[in-house]
N, C-alpha and C. Protein backbone atom coordinates (compact mmCIF):
# COMPACT_ATOMS: atom_id res chain seq x y z
N MET A 1 -27.05 71.80 -31.99
CA MET A 1 -27.62 70.83 -32.77
C MET A 1 -26.49 69.82 -33.29
N THR A 2 -25.74 70.85 -34.25
CA THR A 2 -24.56 69.96 -34.67
C THR A 2 -23.70 69.43 -33.88
N ALA A 3 -23.37 70.09 -32.71
CA ALA A 3 -22.20 69.21 -31.51
C ALA A 3 -23.05 68.18 -31.21
N PHE A 4 -24.11 68.10 -31.03
CA PHE A 4 -25.18 66.86 -30.59
C PHE A 4 -24.65 65.67 -31.32
N ILE A 5 -25.09 65.97 -32.97
CA ILE A 5 -25.05 65.05 -33.72
C ILE A 5 -24.11 64.58 -34.22
N ARG A 6 -23.04 65.31 -33.98
CA ARG A 6 -21.34 65.08 -34.37
C ARG A 6 -21.04 63.95 -32.92
N GLN A 7 -21.22 64.43 -31.72
CA GLN A 7 -21.15 63.56 -30.82
C GLN A 7 -21.84 62.14 -30.72
N ALA A 8 -23.05 62.35 -31.41
CA ALA A 8 -23.94 61.09 -31.33
C ALA A 8 -23.47 59.90 -32.37
N GLU A 9 -23.00 60.65 -33.47
CA GLU A 9 -22.42 59.79 -34.66
C GLU A 9 -21.29 58.95 -34.17
N GLN A 10 -20.48 59.36 -33.15
CA GLN A 10 -19.12 58.79 -32.49
C GLN A 10 -19.83 57.41 -31.71
N LEU A 11 -21.00 57.21 -31.27
CA LEU A 11 -21.32 56.58 -30.39
C LEU A 11 -21.39 55.32 -30.84
N PRO A 12 -21.36 53.93 -30.02
CA PRO A 12 -21.46 52.90 -30.90
C PRO A 12 -23.02 52.52 -31.34
N VAL A 13 -22.80 51.88 -32.66
CA VAL A 13 -24.20 51.65 -33.07
C VAL A 13 -25.27 51.46 -32.60
N VAL A 14 -25.48 50.78 -31.43
CA VAL A 14 -26.63 50.21 -30.38
C VAL A 14 -26.64 51.38 -29.84
N ARG A 15 -26.14 52.30 -29.48
CA ARG A 15 -26.61 53.50 -28.44
C ARG A 15 -27.47 54.34 -29.67
N GLN A 16 -26.92 54.53 -31.09
CA GLN A 16 -27.41 55.27 -31.63
C GLN A 16 -28.85 54.93 -32.34
N ARG A 17 -28.90 53.39 -32.19
CA ARG A 17 -30.46 53.22 -32.31
C ARG A 17 -31.30 53.51 -31.03
N GLU A 18 -30.83 53.37 -29.95
CA GLU A 18 -31.69 53.59 -28.90
C GLU A 18 -32.08 55.03 -29.22
N ILE A 19 -31.15 56.12 -29.52
CA ILE A 19 -31.36 57.44 -29.70
C ILE A 19 -32.29 57.51 -30.80
N VAL A 20 -32.40 56.84 -31.74
CA VAL A 20 -33.33 56.88 -32.97
C VAL A 20 -34.74 56.50 -32.01
N GLU A 21 -34.60 55.49 -31.29
CA GLU A 21 -36.04 55.18 -30.76
C GLU A 21 -36.58 56.01 -29.63
N GLU A 22 -35.41 56.81 -28.99
CA GLU A 22 -35.78 57.64 -27.93
C GLU A 22 -36.62 58.99 -28.72
N PHE A 23 -36.39 59.35 -29.79
CA PHE A 23 -36.52 60.64 -30.16
C PHE A 23 -37.90 60.00 -31.05
N CYS A 24 -37.83 59.07 -31.40
CA CYS A 24 -39.07 58.55 -32.22
C CYS A 24 -40.52 58.65 -31.34
N GLN A 25 -40.14 57.94 -30.12
CA GLN A 25 -41.33 57.75 -28.97
C GLN A 25 -41.27 59.29 -28.43
N LEU A 26 -40.53 60.08 -28.37
CA LEU A 26 -40.88 61.59 -28.14
C LEU A 26 -41.71 62.33 -29.07
N ARG A 27 -41.46 61.98 -30.21
CA ARG A 27 -42.30 62.70 -31.51
C ARG A 27 -43.75 62.04 -31.19
N LEU A 28 -43.81 61.04 -30.91
CA LEU A 28 -45.43 60.35 -30.87
C LEU A 28 -45.67 60.50 -29.53
N SER A 29 -45.17 60.78 -28.68
CA SER A 29 -45.71 61.54 -27.33
C SER A 29 -46.36 63.10 -27.45
N ARG A 30 -45.28 63.66 -28.40
CA ARG A 30 -45.55 65.18 -28.30
C ARG A 30 -45.72 65.70 -30.01
N PRO A 31 -46.94 65.10 -30.54
CA PRO A 31 -47.11 65.40 -32.05
C PRO A 31 -47.88 66.92 -32.14
N GLU A 32 -48.12 67.53 -30.89
CA GLU A 32 -48.42 68.86 -31.08
C GLU A 32 -47.21 69.71 -31.09
N VAL A 33 -46.00 69.44 -31.02
CA VAL A 33 -45.04 70.40 -30.97
C VAL A 33 -44.23 70.52 -31.85
N HIS A 34 -44.40 72.00 -32.56
CA HIS A 34 -44.01 71.98 -33.80
C HIS A 34 -42.41 71.93 -33.96
N GLN A 35 -41.69 71.43 -35.02
CA GLN A 35 -40.17 71.31 -34.85
C GLN A 35 -40.02 70.77 -33.77
N LEU A 36 -40.18 69.82 -33.53
CA LEU A 36 -39.50 69.02 -32.12
C LEU A 36 -38.28 68.57 -32.83
N LEU A 37 -38.32 67.86 -33.91
CA LEU A 37 -37.11 66.98 -34.42
C LEU A 37 -36.86 68.26 -35.77
N PRO A 38 -35.86 69.08 -35.12
CA PRO A 38 -35.00 69.80 -36.27
C PRO A 38 -34.75 68.88 -37.94
N GLN A 39 -34.39 69.20 -38.82
CA GLN A 39 -34.18 68.92 -40.10
C GLN A 39 -32.92 68.14 -39.94
N PRO A 40 -31.57 68.91 -39.16
CA PRO A 40 -30.25 68.16 -39.27
C PRO A 40 -30.40 66.60 -38.23
N LEU A 41 -31.33 66.89 -37.32
CA LEU A 41 -31.33 65.80 -36.40
C LEU A 41 -32.31 64.41 -37.08
N ILE A 42 -33.43 64.92 -38.08
CA ILE A 42 -34.10 64.17 -38.96
C ILE A 42 -32.83 63.43 -39.47
N ALA A 43 -32.27 63.94 -40.18
CA ALA A 43 -30.88 63.75 -41.15
C ALA A 43 -30.40 62.53 -40.31
N PHE A 44 -30.12 62.75 -39.36
CA PHE A 44 -28.92 61.93 -38.57
C PHE A 44 -29.54 60.54 -38.77
N LEU A 45 -31.11 61.02 -37.80
CA LEU A 45 -31.77 59.54 -37.18
C LEU A 45 -32.29 58.87 -38.84
N GLN A 46 -32.22 59.26 -39.88
CA GLN A 46 -32.54 58.87 -41.10
C GLN A 46 -31.45 57.70 -41.75
N ARG A 47 -30.19 58.33 -41.20
CA ARG A 47 -29.08 57.63 -41.76
C ARG A 47 -28.88 56.44 -40.70
N VAL A 48 -28.93 56.65 -39.68
CA VAL A 48 -29.29 55.58 -38.77
C VAL A 48 -30.01 54.38 -38.95
N LEU A 49 -31.13 54.66 -39.18
CA LEU A 49 -32.28 53.83 -39.76
C LEU A 49 -32.23 53.14 -41.00
N GLU A 50 -31.38 54.02 -41.91
CA GLU A 50 -31.01 53.37 -42.91
C GLU A 50 -30.17 52.22 -42.92
N GLN A 51 -29.26 52.65 -42.15
CA GLN A 51 -27.82 51.52 -42.02
C GLN A 51 -28.49 50.47 -41.02
N TRP A 52 -29.53 50.63 -40.31
CA TRP A 52 -30.03 49.86 -39.57
C TRP A 52 -30.86 48.92 -40.18
N ARG A 53 -31.50 49.40 -41.30
CA ARG A 53 -32.59 48.42 -42.15
C ARG A 53 -31.47 47.39 -42.78
N VAL A 54 -30.45 47.76 -43.25
CA VAL A 54 -29.45 47.26 -44.19
C VAL A 54 -29.04 46.30 -43.32
N ASP A 55 -28.47 46.63 -42.10
CA ASP A 55 -27.80 45.52 -41.12
C ASP A 55 -28.72 44.61 -40.59
N GLN A 56 -29.95 44.88 -40.10
CA GLN A 56 -31.15 43.91 -39.80
C GLN A 56 -32.32 43.93 -40.79
N PRO A 57 -32.26 43.22 -41.76
CA PRO A 57 -33.51 43.31 -42.66
C PRO A 57 -34.68 42.64 -42.26
N ALA A 58 -34.62 41.78 -41.42
CA ALA A 58 -35.72 41.10 -41.02
C ALA A 58 -36.32 41.90 -39.80
N LEU A 59 -36.00 42.83 -39.29
CA LEU A 59 -36.40 43.53 -38.08
C LEU A 59 -37.37 44.80 -38.32
N ALA A 60 -38.61 44.59 -37.77
CA ALA A 60 -39.41 45.54 -38.20
C ALA A 60 -39.37 47.12 -37.65
N ILE A 61 -38.62 47.07 -36.34
CA ILE A 61 -38.37 48.45 -36.01
C ILE A 61 -37.87 49.43 -36.80
N PRO A 62 -36.77 49.31 -37.25
CA PRO A 62 -36.27 50.43 -37.91
C PRO A 62 -37.08 50.94 -39.12
N PHE A 63 -38.05 49.79 -39.95
CA PHE A 63 -38.83 50.26 -40.76
C PHE A 63 -40.14 51.03 -40.49
N ARG A 64 -40.67 50.71 -39.18
CA ARG A 64 -41.76 51.66 -38.63
C ARG A 64 -41.08 52.95 -38.20
N TRP A 65 -39.84 52.65 -37.81
CA TRP A 65 -39.63 54.32 -37.37
C TRP A 65 -39.28 55.25 -38.68
N SER A 66 -38.69 54.53 -40.02
CA SER A 66 -38.57 55.08 -40.79
C SER A 66 -39.70 55.83 -41.44
N GLY A 67 -41.05 55.02 -41.48
CA GLY A 67 -42.58 55.28 -41.78
C GLY A 67 -42.56 56.64 -40.97
N LEU A 68 -42.38 56.81 -39.62
CA LEU A 68 -42.86 57.94 -38.85
C LEU A 68 -42.10 59.17 -39.27
N LEU A 69 -40.80 58.86 -39.37
CA LEU A 69 -39.87 59.96 -39.60
C LEU A 69 -40.23 60.40 -41.12
N CYS A 70 -40.41 59.80 -42.21
CA CYS A 70 -39.87 59.91 -43.48
C CYS A 70 -41.61 59.98 -43.88
N GLY A 71 -42.77 59.37 -43.47
CA GLY A 71 -44.14 59.67 -43.69
C GLY A 71 -44.51 58.61 -44.91
N ASP A 72 -43.53 57.96 -45.25
CA ASP A 72 -43.73 56.64 -46.43
C ASP A 72 -44.26 55.86 -45.84
N VAL A 73 -45.55 55.13 -46.60
CA VAL A 73 -46.49 54.21 -46.03
C VAL A 73 -45.77 53.31 -46.29
N SER A 74 -44.99 53.11 -47.75
CA SER A 74 -44.20 51.58 -47.75
C SER A 74 -43.32 51.08 -46.83
N PHE A 75 -42.68 52.24 -45.81
CA PHE A 75 -41.93 51.80 -44.53
C PHE A 75 -43.11 50.78 -43.72
N TYR A 76 -44.25 51.46 -43.26
CA TYR A 76 -44.99 50.70 -42.42
C TYR A 76 -45.47 49.36 -43.13
N GLU A 77 -45.83 49.31 -44.41
CA GLU A 77 -45.80 47.90 -44.93
C GLU A 77 -44.79 47.19 -44.96
N GLU A 78 -43.62 47.44 -45.19
CA GLU A 78 -42.46 46.75 -44.67
C GLU A 78 -42.46 46.23 -43.08
N ALA A 79 -42.65 46.89 -42.44
CA ALA A 79 -42.52 46.65 -41.07
C ALA A 79 -43.46 45.47 -40.69
N VAL A 80 -44.84 45.69 -41.07
CA VAL A 80 -45.86 44.97 -41.07
C VAL A 80 -45.56 43.37 -41.68
N LYS A 81 -44.66 43.22 -42.42
CA LYS A 81 -44.42 42.19 -43.30
C LYS A 81 -43.23 41.26 -42.65
N ARG A 82 -42.77 42.17 -41.72
CA ARG A 82 -41.78 41.48 -40.80
C ARG A 82 -42.06 41.27 -39.50
N ALA A 83 -43.36 41.99 -38.78
CA ALA A 83 -44.07 41.79 -37.81
C ALA A 83 -45.33 42.20 -37.89
N PRO A 84 -46.27 40.79 -38.36
CA PRO A 84 -47.78 41.00 -38.68
C PRO A 84 -48.64 41.82 -37.60
N ASP A 85 -47.96 41.48 -36.36
CA ASP A 85 -48.56 42.21 -35.00
C ASP A 85 -48.22 43.64 -34.89
N ASP A 86 -47.46 44.40 -35.31
CA ASP A 86 -46.88 45.50 -34.84
C ASP A 86 -48.14 46.58 -34.92
N ALA A 87 -48.76 46.82 -34.01
CA ALA A 87 -49.65 47.71 -33.68
C ALA A 87 -49.68 48.90 -33.98
N PHE A 88 -48.61 49.70 -34.20
CA PHE A 88 -48.45 50.92 -34.75
C PHE A 88 -48.22 50.62 -35.92
N SER A 89 -47.86 50.21 -36.52
CA SER A 89 -47.44 50.25 -38.25
C SER A 89 -48.94 49.81 -38.76
N LEU A 90 -49.79 48.85 -38.26
CA LEU A 90 -51.29 48.49 -38.76
C LEU A 90 -51.94 49.79 -38.61
N GLY A 91 -51.83 50.23 -37.25
CA GLY A 91 -52.68 51.68 -37.20
C GLY A 91 -52.57 52.86 -38.05
N GLN A 92 -51.06 52.90 -38.71
CA GLN A 92 -50.79 54.05 -39.55
C GLN A 92 -51.35 53.58 -40.71
N LEU A 93 -51.20 52.31 -41.30
CA LEU A 93 -51.87 51.76 -42.56
C LEU A 93 -53.37 51.80 -42.62
N ALA A 94 -54.15 51.67 -41.59
CA ALA A 94 -55.42 52.09 -41.40
C ALA A 94 -55.71 53.16 -41.75
N GLN A 95 -54.99 54.28 -40.89
CA GLN A 95 -55.02 55.72 -40.57
C GLN A 95 -55.11 56.28 -42.09
N VAL A 96 -54.10 55.65 -42.79
CA VAL A 96 -54.08 56.34 -44.33
C VAL A 96 -55.38 55.90 -45.50
N SER A 97 -55.80 54.74 -44.94
CA SER A 97 -56.68 54.45 -45.48
C SER A 97 -57.97 54.99 -45.49
N LEU A 98 -58.15 55.78 -44.01
CA LEU A 98 -59.40 56.48 -43.41
C LEU A 98 -58.92 57.74 -44.05
N ASP A 99 -58.03 58.24 -43.89
CA ASP A 99 -57.75 59.51 -44.64
C ASP A 99 -58.06 59.68 -45.97
N ALA A 100 -57.64 58.71 -46.84
CA ALA A 100 -58.39 58.69 -48.08
C ALA A 100 -59.90 58.66 -48.22
N VAL A 101 -60.23 58.19 -47.41
CA VAL A 101 -62.00 58.28 -47.51
C VAL A 101 -62.13 59.65 -47.11
N GLY A 102 -61.87 60.17 -46.01
CA GLY A 102 -61.80 61.69 -45.35
C GLY A 102 -61.83 62.49 -46.82
N TYR A 103 -60.91 62.17 -47.25
CA TYR A 103 -60.53 63.25 -48.64
C TYR A 103 -61.50 63.13 -49.43
N GLN A 104 -62.20 61.74 -49.55
CA GLN A 104 -63.13 61.93 -50.70
C GLN A 104 -64.39 62.32 -50.43
N THR A 105 -64.43 62.55 -48.97
CA THR A 105 -65.87 63.11 -48.45
C THR A 105 -65.72 64.37 -48.01
N HIS A 106 -64.79 65.02 -47.97
CA HIS A 106 -64.79 66.33 -47.59
C HIS A 106 -65.38 67.51 -48.13
N HIS A 107 -65.85 67.17 -49.24
CA HIS A 107 -66.91 68.11 -50.08
C HIS A 107 -68.55 67.74 -49.99
N LEU A 108 -68.86 66.69 -49.01
CA LEU A 108 -69.96 66.54 -49.02
C LEU A 108 -70.98 67.74 -48.44
N CYS A 109 -70.35 68.14 -47.50
CA CYS A 109 -71.06 69.79 -47.08
C CYS A 109 -71.33 70.42 -48.34
N GLU A 110 -70.77 70.28 -49.62
CA GLU A 110 -71.21 70.84 -50.66
C GLU A 110 -72.06 69.97 -51.74
N SER A 111 -72.37 68.83 -51.20
CA SER A 111 -73.19 67.69 -52.07
C SER A 111 -72.21 67.55 -52.93
N SER A 112 -71.03 67.35 -52.87
CA SER A 112 -70.33 66.56 -54.04
C SER A 112 -69.38 65.69 -53.29
N PHE A 113 -68.95 64.81 -54.08
CA PHE A 113 -68.45 63.51 -53.51
C PHE A 113 -66.90 63.63 -54.81
N ILE A 114 -65.65 63.39 -53.96
CA ILE A 114 -64.60 63.03 -54.58
C ILE A 114 -63.87 61.89 -54.91
N GLY A 115 -64.07 61.61 -56.43
CA GLY A 115 -63.59 60.33 -56.77
C GLY A 115 -64.71 59.07 -56.63
N SER A 116 -64.30 57.98 -56.53
CA SER A 116 -65.50 56.94 -56.76
C SER A 116 -65.67 56.42 -55.39
N GLU A 117 -67.13 56.08 -55.41
CA GLU A 117 -67.86 55.39 -53.72
C GLU A 117 -67.01 54.33 -53.76
N GLY A 118 -67.24 53.24 -54.81
CA GLY A 118 -66.84 51.87 -54.69
C GLY A 118 -65.15 51.74 -54.16
N ASP A 119 -64.32 53.11 -54.52
CA ASP A 119 -63.14 53.30 -53.75
C ASP A 119 -63.10 53.52 -52.46
N ALA A 120 -63.89 54.35 -52.07
CA ALA A 120 -64.22 54.56 -50.61
C ALA A 120 -64.54 53.41 -49.94
N PHE A 121 -65.33 52.65 -50.47
CA PHE A 121 -65.88 51.61 -49.73
C PHE A 121 -64.65 50.60 -49.62
N ALA A 122 -63.82 50.40 -50.59
CA ALA A 122 -62.81 49.41 -50.79
C ALA A 122 -61.68 49.80 -49.56
N ALA A 123 -61.26 50.95 -49.51
CA ALA A 123 -60.39 52.08 -48.65
C ALA A 123 -60.90 51.47 -46.97
N LEU A 124 -62.20 51.56 -46.75
CA LEU A 124 -62.78 51.01 -45.56
C LEU A 124 -62.60 49.72 -45.12
N GLY A 125 -62.59 48.85 -46.09
CA GLY A 125 -62.32 47.48 -45.88
C GLY A 125 -60.89 47.18 -45.56
N GLU A 126 -59.92 47.78 -46.54
CA GLU A 126 -58.72 47.82 -46.47
C GLU A 126 -58.54 48.37 -44.82
N ALA A 127 -58.89 49.16 -44.51
CA ALA A 127 -58.66 49.80 -43.08
C ALA A 127 -59.21 49.05 -41.97
N ALA A 128 -60.18 48.19 -42.05
CA ALA A 128 -60.82 47.14 -41.32
C ALA A 128 -59.95 46.01 -41.17
N LYS A 129 -59.29 45.82 -42.28
CA LYS A 129 -58.21 44.34 -42.21
C LYS A 129 -57.40 44.69 -41.56
N TYR A 130 -56.83 45.92 -41.49
CA TYR A 130 -55.49 46.04 -40.62
C TYR A 130 -55.79 46.19 -38.80
N ILE A 131 -56.94 47.16 -38.90
CA ILE A 131 -57.60 47.07 -37.38
C ILE A 131 -57.68 45.82 -37.04
N LEU A 132 -58.40 44.63 -37.68
CA LEU A 132 -58.73 43.58 -37.20
C LEU A 132 -57.54 42.62 -36.57
N ARG A 133 -56.28 43.22 -37.18
CA ARG A 133 -54.98 42.85 -36.58
C ARG A 133 -54.21 43.26 -35.21
N MET A 134 -55.06 44.29 -35.19
CA MET A 134 -54.44 45.04 -33.99
C MET A 134 -55.06 44.64 -32.49
N PRO A 135 -54.48 44.99 -31.44
CA PRO A 135 -54.55 44.17 -30.16
C PRO A 135 -55.99 45.31 -29.67
N ALA A 136 -56.75 44.55 -28.79
CA ALA A 136 -57.85 45.70 -28.80
C ALA A 136 -57.02 46.40 -27.65
N THR A 137 -56.98 47.72 -28.10
CA THR A 137 -56.90 48.96 -27.46
C THR A 137 -57.70 50.26 -27.90
N GLU A 138 -57.39 51.44 -27.07
CA GLU A 138 -58.29 52.35 -27.41
C GLU A 138 -58.00 52.82 -28.64
N ALA A 139 -56.84 52.60 -28.94
CA ALA A 139 -56.45 53.15 -30.34
C ALA A 139 -57.24 52.18 -31.41
N ARG A 140 -57.07 51.12 -31.18
CA ARG A 140 -58.01 50.06 -32.18
C ARG A 140 -59.79 50.66 -32.12
N GLN A 141 -60.03 51.09 -31.15
CA GLN A 141 -61.38 51.38 -30.75
C GLN A 141 -61.36 52.63 -31.66
N VAL A 142 -60.63 53.83 -31.64
CA VAL A 142 -60.99 54.71 -32.31
C VAL A 142 -61.03 54.76 -33.62
N LEU A 143 -60.13 53.81 -34.11
CA LEU A 143 -60.06 53.63 -35.77
C LEU A 143 -61.54 52.79 -36.23
N GLN A 144 -61.89 51.90 -35.21
CA GLN A 144 -63.11 51.29 -35.39
C GLN A 144 -64.15 52.15 -35.66
N GLN A 145 -64.36 53.07 -34.68
CA GLN A 145 -65.31 54.26 -34.39
C GLN A 145 -65.04 54.96 -35.92
N GLN A 146 -63.78 55.48 -36.37
CA GLN A 146 -63.87 56.07 -37.79
C GLN A 146 -64.41 55.21 -38.78
N ILE A 147 -64.00 53.94 -38.93
CA ILE A 147 -64.58 53.27 -40.02
C ILE A 147 -66.09 53.22 -39.89
N SER A 148 -66.80 53.10 -38.68
CA SER A 148 -68.31 53.37 -38.64
C SER A 148 -68.81 54.61 -39.02
N TYR A 149 -68.17 55.66 -38.66
CA TYR A 149 -68.87 57.08 -39.26
C TYR A 149 -68.49 57.01 -40.77
N TYR A 150 -67.50 57.04 -41.20
CA TYR A 150 -67.61 56.94 -42.74
C TYR A 150 -68.31 55.75 -43.33
N ARG A 151 -68.36 54.68 -42.79
CA ARG A 151 -69.36 53.73 -43.77
C ARG A 151 -70.82 54.36 -43.36
N GLY A 152 -71.39 54.96 -42.12
CA GLY A 152 -72.46 55.42 -42.31
C GLY A 152 -72.69 56.70 -43.01
N LEU A 153 -71.55 57.79 -43.26
CA LEU A 153 -71.83 58.76 -44.09
C LEU A 153 -71.74 58.25 -45.63
N LEU A 154 -71.17 57.21 -45.95
CA LEU A 154 -70.99 56.77 -47.64
C LEU A 154 -72.44 56.34 -47.93
N GLU A 155 -72.91 55.51 -46.57
CA GLU A 155 -74.38 54.55 -47.02
C GLU A 155 -75.47 55.76 -46.88
N ALA A 156 -75.41 56.85 -46.41
CA ALA A 156 -75.92 57.91 -46.32
C ALA A 156 -76.00 58.74 -47.65
N TRP A 157 -75.00 58.84 -48.06
CA TRP A 157 -74.77 59.33 -49.49
C TRP A 157 -75.33 58.77 -50.49
N GLN A 158 -74.91 57.57 -50.71
CA GLN A 158 -75.94 56.49 -51.70
C GLN A 158 -77.46 56.65 -51.54
N ARG A 159 -77.90 56.67 -50.36
CA ARG A 159 -79.58 56.78 -50.23
C ARG A 159 -79.71 58.18 -50.67
N TYR A 160 -78.99 59.31 -50.27
CA TYR A 160 -79.55 60.63 -51.07
C TYR A 160 -79.38 60.64 -52.30
N LYS A 161 -78.57 60.05 -52.83
CA LYS A 161 -78.31 60.08 -54.47
C LYS A 161 -79.75 59.30 -54.86
N SER A 162 -79.90 58.16 -54.23
CA SER A 162 -80.77 57.19 -55.08
C SER A 162 -82.11 57.76 -55.09
N GLU A 163 -82.35 58.84 -53.97
CA GLU A 163 -83.75 59.41 -53.82
C GLU A 163 -83.46 60.86 -54.57
N GLY A 164 -82.74 61.18 -55.21
CA GLY A 164 -82.86 62.28 -56.20
C GLY A 164 -83.28 63.55 -55.56
N ASP A 165 -82.93 63.70 -54.24
CA ASP A 165 -83.44 64.90 -53.37
C ASP A 165 -82.53 66.02 -53.75
N THR A 166 -83.25 67.23 -53.79
CA THR A 166 -82.45 68.34 -54.46
C THR A 166 -82.16 69.66 -53.42
N THR A 167 -82.37 69.12 -52.21
CA THR A 167 -82.09 69.51 -50.96
C THR A 167 -80.54 68.99 -50.70
N GLY A 168 -79.96 70.18 -50.27
CA GLY A 168 -78.50 69.84 -50.17
C GLY A 168 -78.34 68.56 -49.04
N PHE A 169 -77.20 67.62 -49.35
CA PHE A 169 -76.45 66.92 -48.40
C PHE A 169 -76.66 66.85 -46.95
N PRO A 170 -76.15 67.82 -46.62
CA PRO A 170 -76.11 68.03 -45.08
C PRO A 170 -77.53 68.67 -44.54
N ASP A 171 -78.43 69.15 -45.41
CA ASP A 171 -79.92 69.32 -44.89
C ASP A 171 -80.48 68.27 -44.82
N TRP A 172 -80.58 67.51 -46.00
CA TRP A 172 -81.02 66.26 -46.09
C TRP A 172 -80.78 65.35 -44.97
N CYS A 173 -79.67 64.94 -44.71
CA CYS A 173 -79.22 64.23 -43.47
C CYS A 173 -79.84 64.73 -42.21
N ARG A 174 -80.00 66.27 -41.75
CA ARG A 174 -80.59 66.65 -40.50
C ARG A 174 -81.97 66.19 -40.60
N GLN A 175 -82.56 66.39 -41.96
CA GLN A 175 -84.07 65.75 -42.02
C GLN A 175 -84.35 64.39 -41.60
N GLN A 176 -83.29 63.73 -41.61
CA GLN A 176 -83.34 62.20 -41.78
C GLN A 176 -82.89 61.81 -39.98
N ASP A 177 -82.48 62.99 -39.52
CA ASP A 177 -81.95 62.77 -37.76
C ASP A 177 -80.66 61.94 -38.24
N MET A 178 -79.86 62.32 -39.07
CA MET A 178 -78.32 61.57 -39.37
C MET A 178 -77.55 63.00 -38.84
N ASP A 179 -76.57 62.36 -37.84
CA ASP A 179 -75.65 63.41 -37.37
C ASP A 179 -74.45 62.85 -38.07
N PHE A 180 -73.89 64.00 -38.60
CA PHE A 180 -72.50 64.03 -39.45
C PHE A 180 -71.90 65.38 -39.45
N ALA A 181 -70.64 65.37 -38.92
CA ALA A 181 -69.85 66.60 -39.13
C ALA A 181 -69.58 67.14 -40.29
N PHE A 182 -70.10 68.51 -40.73
CA PHE A 182 -69.86 69.00 -42.14
C PHE A 182 -69.01 70.20 -42.24
N SER A 183 -68.16 70.29 -42.83
CA SER A 183 -67.35 71.88 -42.74
C SER A 183 -68.20 72.63 -43.37
N SER A 184 -67.78 73.81 -42.85
CA SER A 184 -68.28 75.15 -43.47
C SER A 184 -67.32 75.60 -44.54
N VAL A 185 -68.13 76.11 -45.53
CA VAL A 185 -67.13 76.54 -46.91
C VAL A 185 -67.65 77.99 -46.68
N VAL A 186 -66.33 78.73 -47.18
CA VAL A 186 -66.09 80.02 -46.97
C VAL A 186 -65.37 80.26 -48.41
N TYR A 187 -66.06 81.14 -49.06
CA TYR A 187 -65.44 81.49 -50.30
C TYR A 187 -64.95 83.11 -50.33
N TYR A 188 -63.96 83.29 -50.80
CA TYR A 188 -63.50 84.97 -50.65
C TYR A 188 -63.35 85.28 -52.18
N ASN A 189 -63.61 86.72 -52.14
CA ASN A 189 -63.83 87.33 -53.50
C ASN A 189 -62.44 87.68 -53.68
N ALA A 190 -61.66 87.66 -54.74
CA ALA A 190 -60.10 88.47 -54.69
C ALA A 190 -60.34 89.88 -55.02
């Protein structure tokens, strides 16, 4: 790996940027492969991206790939500022909002909501704003389905609370013929 990186560092800048794009595309196409990009390679790719962002600050591509490699949402936000139709970055921003709702609702299996319902609905609205800017693709459809799912779950939760039912939320949903995926909770005694 060290020899590859040393050799890549000697290549013209344009070729180094092509290598960054190739590895980012590879990571996207194989998300299930653990350690596909080892840390020394990621460090090299990040150095190339950092210089690319400096050299071409109006270009969305180095911000998009920085977001992918670093997991920093602000890079996706910067990419979208530069290319408002950057479908990948828009999708990532939408997914971040949906993940926040997923976190807030992951204890509904125990009839417990984390945080504010208003914040959860706001996050769904934020995700919807990003999704509306995406082209009509399968990725957009999947994200729209997630929004519909979470909106239905939140509305069911509000109805459950307003009725003051003492049945657990998952059982109440089944009684209402509502189909949501609830986690199983297993507690271990130490």
